[in-house]
Amino acid sequence: QLQLVESGGGLVQPGGSLRLSCAASGFTLDNYAIAWFRQAPGKEREGVSCISSSGGSTNYADSVKGRFTISRDNAKNTISLQMSSLKPEDTAVYYCNARFVFNDYWGQGTQVTVSS
């Protein structure tokens, strides 16, 4: 079965850090561009960060620039999102997405809650 599985979400205090992971099963991520999206309650899904298939190009939403870092380990078939200096407005369900040509896969999401 082809799927992406996110992990690493949880409850963290403002200013804290979390590391999200996205693991692929049933296919290899080598040729896929990967993106992290998030969706907060009552809001539309928004792009957070993306990384090219080679890992040589990354982009970030202005709201997370300087605080989040996306990386990939093709040998382990995983993508990570290191989140630091977390704010309450970062609270959302975070999804990873893998795209290559006509293939488009989504994970089930992992909840991140930033609250004191």
C-alpha atoms as a PDB file:
ATOM      1  CA  GLN A   1       0.000   0.000   0.000  1.00  0.00           C
ATOM      2  CA  LEU A   2       1.342   3.403  -1.000  1.00  0.00           C
ATOM      3  CA  GLN A   3       1.140   5.829   1.860  1.00  0.00           C
ATOM      4  CA  LEU A   4       2.734   8.632   3.833  1.00  0.00           C
ATOM      5  CA  VAL A   5       2.648   8.573   7.613  1.00  0.00           C
ATOM      6  CA  GLU A   6       3.365  11.653   9.720  1.00  0.00           C
ATOM      7  CA  SER A   7       4.539  11.518  13.305  1.00  0.00           C
ATOM      8  CA  GLY A   8       6.000  13.760  15.964  1.00  0.00           C
ATOM      9  CA  GLY A   9       3.071  16.035  16.706  1.00  0.00           C
ATOM     10  CA  GLY A  10       1.949  16.860  20.208  1.00  0.00           C
ATOM     11  CA  LEU A  11       1.409  19.549  22.792  1.00  0.00           C
ATOM     12  CA  VAL A  12       4.202  22.050  23.316  1.00  0.00           C
ATOM     13  CA  GLN A  13       4.496  25.342  25.155  1.00  0.00           C
ATOM     14  CA  PRO A  14       5.050  28.594  23.279  1.00  0.00           C
ATOM     15  CA  GLY A  15       8.713  28.955  22.432  1.00  0.00           C
ATOM     16  CA  GLY A  16       9.208  25.219  22.358  1.00  0.00           C
ATOM     17  CA  SER A  17      10.250  22.890  19.572  1.00  0.00           C
ATOM     18  CA  LEU A  18       8.929  19.835  17.790  1.00  0.00           C
ATOM     19  CA  ARG A  19      10.255  17.677  15.003  1.00  0.00           C
ATOM     20  CA  LEU A  20       7.743  16.203  12.581  1.00  0.00           C
ATOM     21  CA  SER A  21       8.586  13.242  10.406  1.00  0.00           C
ATOM     22  CA  CYS A  22       6.942  11.891   7.291  1.00  0.00           C
ATOM     23  CA  ALA A  23       7.734   8.343   6.256  1.00  0.00           C
ATOM     24  CA  ALA A  24       6.818   6.788   2.940  1.00  0.00           C
ATOM     25  CA  SER A  25       5.879   3.170   2.495  1.00  0.00           C
ATOM     26  CA  GLY A  26       5.259   1.312  -0.729  1.00  0.00           C
ATOM     27  CA  PHE A  27       7.281   3.778  -2.798  1.00  0.00           C
ATOM     28  CA  THR A  28      10.530   5.719  -2.637  1.00  0.00           C
ATOM     29  CA  LEU A  29      10.636   9.477  -2.243  1.00  0.00           C
ATOM     30  CA  ASP A  30      13.756  10.033  -4.347  1.00  0.00           C
ATOM     31  CA  ASN A  31      11.993  11.691  -7.277  1.00  0.00           C
ATOM     32  CA  TYR A  32       9.293  13.419  -5.280  1.00  0.00           C
ATOM     33  CA  ALA A  33       9.043  17.048  -4.292  1.00  0.00           C
ATOM     34  CA  ILE A  34       7.759  17.179  -0.730  1.00  0.00           C
ATOM     35  CA  ALA A  35       5.709  19.807   1.013  1.00  0.00           C
ATOM     36  CA  TRP A  36       4.315  20.318   4.470  1.00  0.00           C
ATOM     37  CA  PHE A  37       0.888  21.882   4.782  1.00  0.00           C
ATOM     38  CA  ARG A  38      -1.152  22.734   7.832  1.00  0.00           C
ATOM     39  CA  GLN A  39      -4.772  23.389   8.585  1.00  0.00           C
ATOM     40  CA  ALA A  40      -6.013  25.172  11.658  1.00  0.00           C
ATOM     41  CA  PRO A  41      -9.631  24.882  12.837  1.00  0.00           C
ATOM     42  CA  GLY A  42     -11.900  27.003  10.687  1.00  0.00           C
ATOM     43  CA  LYS A  43      -9.123  27.904   8.277  1.00  0.00           C
ATOM     44  CA  GLU A  44      -8.045  26.721   4.865  1.00  0.00           C
ATOM     45  CA  ARG A  45      -5.090  24.429   4.404  1.00  0.00           C
ATOM     46  CA  GLU A  46      -1.913  26.427   3.819  1.00  0.00           C
ATOM     47  CA  GLY A  47       1.545  25.581   2.600  1.00  0.00           C
ATOM     48  CA  VAL A  48       4.269  25.706   5.217  1.00  0.00           C
ATOM     49  CA  SER A  49       7.413  24.507   3.510  1.00  0.00           C
ATOM     50  CA  CYS A  50       8.607  22.504   0.528  1.00  0.00           C
ATOM     51  CA  ILE A  51      11.772  20.806  -0.649  1.00  0.00           C
ATOM     52  CA  SER A  52      12.877  19.665  -4.084  1.00  0.00           C
ATOM     53  CA  SER A  53      13.570  16.054  -4.919  1.00  0.00           C
ATOM     54  CA  SER A  54      17.322  16.615  -4.630  1.00  0.00           C
ATOM     55  CA  GLY A  55      16.997  18.592  -1.437  1.00  0.00           C
ATOM     56  CA  GLY A  56      18.846  21.460  -3.041  1.00  0.00           C
ATOM     57  CA  SER A  57      15.925  23.869  -2.998  1.00  0.00           C
ATOM     58  CA  THR A  58      13.664  24.758  -0.102  1.00  0.00           C
ATOM     59  CA  ASN A  59      10.935  27.308   0.452  1.00  0.00           C
ATOM     60  CA  TYR A  60       9.050  28.520   3.496  1.00  0.00           C
ATOM     61  CA  ALA A  61       5.923  30.480   4.209  1.00  0.00           C
ATOM     62  CA  ASP A  62       6.729  33.911   5.575  1.00  0.00           C
ATOM     63  CA  SER A  63       5.000  33.010   8.825  1.00  0.00           C
ATOM     64  CA  VAL A  64       7.517  30.224   9.591  1.00  0.00           C
ATOM     65  CA  LYS A  65      10.659  31.504   7.898  1.00  0.00           C
ATOM     66  CA  GLY A  66      13.600  31.410  10.264  1.00  0.00           C
ATOM     67  CA  ARG A  67      11.800  29.107  12.691  1.00  0.00           C
ATOM     68  CA  PHE A  68      11.121  25.939  10.661  1.00  0.00           C
ATOM     69  CA  THR A  69      13.587  23.815   8.733  1.00  0.00           C
ATOM     70  CA  ILE A  70      12.631  21.156   6.210  1.00  0.00           C
ATOM     71  CA  SER A  71      15.006  18.334   5.354  1.00  0.00           C
ATOM     72  CA  ARG A  72      14.962  14.979   3.651  1.00  0.00           C
ATOM     73  CA  ASP A  73      16.832  11.716   4.008  1.00  0.00           C
ATOM     74  CA  ASN A  74      16.269   9.733   0.847  1.00  0.00           C
ATOM     75  CA  ALA A  75      18.241   6.808   2.243  1.00  0.00           C
ATOM     76  CA  LYS A  76      15.714   6.509   5.076  1.00  0.00           C
ATOM     77  CA  ASN A  77      12.804   7.504   2.821  1.00  0.00           C
ATOM     78  CA  THR A  78      11.743  10.190   5.262  1.00  0.00           C
ATOM     79  CA  ILE A  79      11.140  13.928   5.382  1.00  0.00           C
ATOM     80  CA  SER A  80      11.436  16.035   8.520  1.00  0.00           C
ATOM     81  CA  LEU A  81      10.193  19.414   9.624  1.00  0.00           C
ATOM     82  CA  GLN A  82      12.073  20.907  12.557  1.00  0.00           C
ATOM     83  CA  MET A  83       9.919  23.528  14.227  1.00  0.00           C
ATOM     84  CA  SER A  84      11.363  25.948  16.748  1.00  0.00           C
ATOM     85  CA  SER A  85      10.146  29.046  18.579  1.00  0.00           C
ATOM     86  CA  LEU A  86       6.631  27.738  18.235  1.00  0.00           C
ATOM     87  CA  LYS A  87       3.726  30.122  18.613  1.00  0.00           C
ATOM     88  CA  PRO A  88       0.081  29.490  19.449  1.00  0.00           C
ATOM     89  CA  GLU A  89      -0.787  30.395  15.871  1.00  0.00           C
ATOM     90  CA  ASP A  90       1.233  27.394  14.707  1.00  0.00           C
ATOM     91  CA  THR A  91      -1.456  25.164  16.175  1.00  0.00           C
ATOM     92  CA  ALA A  92      -2.858  23.036  13.368  1.00  0.00           C
ATOM     93  CA  VAL A  93      -2.950  19.601  11.820  1.00  0.00           C
ATOM     94  CA  TYR A  94       0.213  19.192   9.769  1.00  0.00           C
ATOM     95  CA  TYR A  95       0.214  17.136   6.583  1.00  0.00           C
ATOM     96  CA  CYS A  96       3.007  16.009   4.316  1.00  0.00           C
ATOM     97  CA  ASN A  97       2.509  15.788   0.581  1.00  0.00           C
ATOM     98  CA  ALA A  98       4.620  14.051  -2.063  1.00  0.00           C
ATOM     99  CA  ARG A  99       4.281  14.948  -5.733  1.00  0.00           C
ATOM    100  CA  PHE A 100       5.922  13.579  -8.889  1.00  0.00           C
ATOM    101  CA  VAL A 101       4.376  14.023 -12.336  1.00  0.00           C
ATOM    102  CA  PHE A 102       0.818  12.709 -11.902  1.00  0.00           C
ATOM    103  CA  ASN A 103       1.413  11.072  -8.533  1.00  0.00           C
ATOM    104  CA  ASP A 104       0.173  12.966  -5.513  1.00  0.00           C
ATOM    105  CA  TYR A 105       0.164  11.436  -2.032  1.00  0.00           C
ATOM    106  CA  TRP A 106      -1.004  12.845   1.301  1.00  0.00           C
ATOM    107  CA  GLY A 107      -0.489  11.674   4.831  1.00  0.00           C
ATOM    108  CA  GLN A 108      -3.247  11.495   7.409  1.00  0.00           C
ATOM    109  CA  GLY A 109      -1.916  14.434   9.384  1.00  0.00           C
ATOM    110  CA  THR A 110      -0.459  14.963  12.844  1.00  0.00           C
ATOM    111  CA  GLN A 111      -1.800  17.421  15.402  1.00  0.00           C
ATOM    112  CA  VAL A 112       0.454  20.172  16.717  1.00  0.00           C
ATOM    113  CA  THR A 113      -0.871  22.212  19.606  1.00  0.00           C
ATOM    114  CA  VAL A 114       1.067  25.167  20.993  1.00  0.00           C
ATOM    115  CA  SER A 115      -0.363  26.255  24.308  1.00  0.00           C
ATOM    116  CA  SER A 116       0.674  27.118  27.824  1.00  0.00           C
END
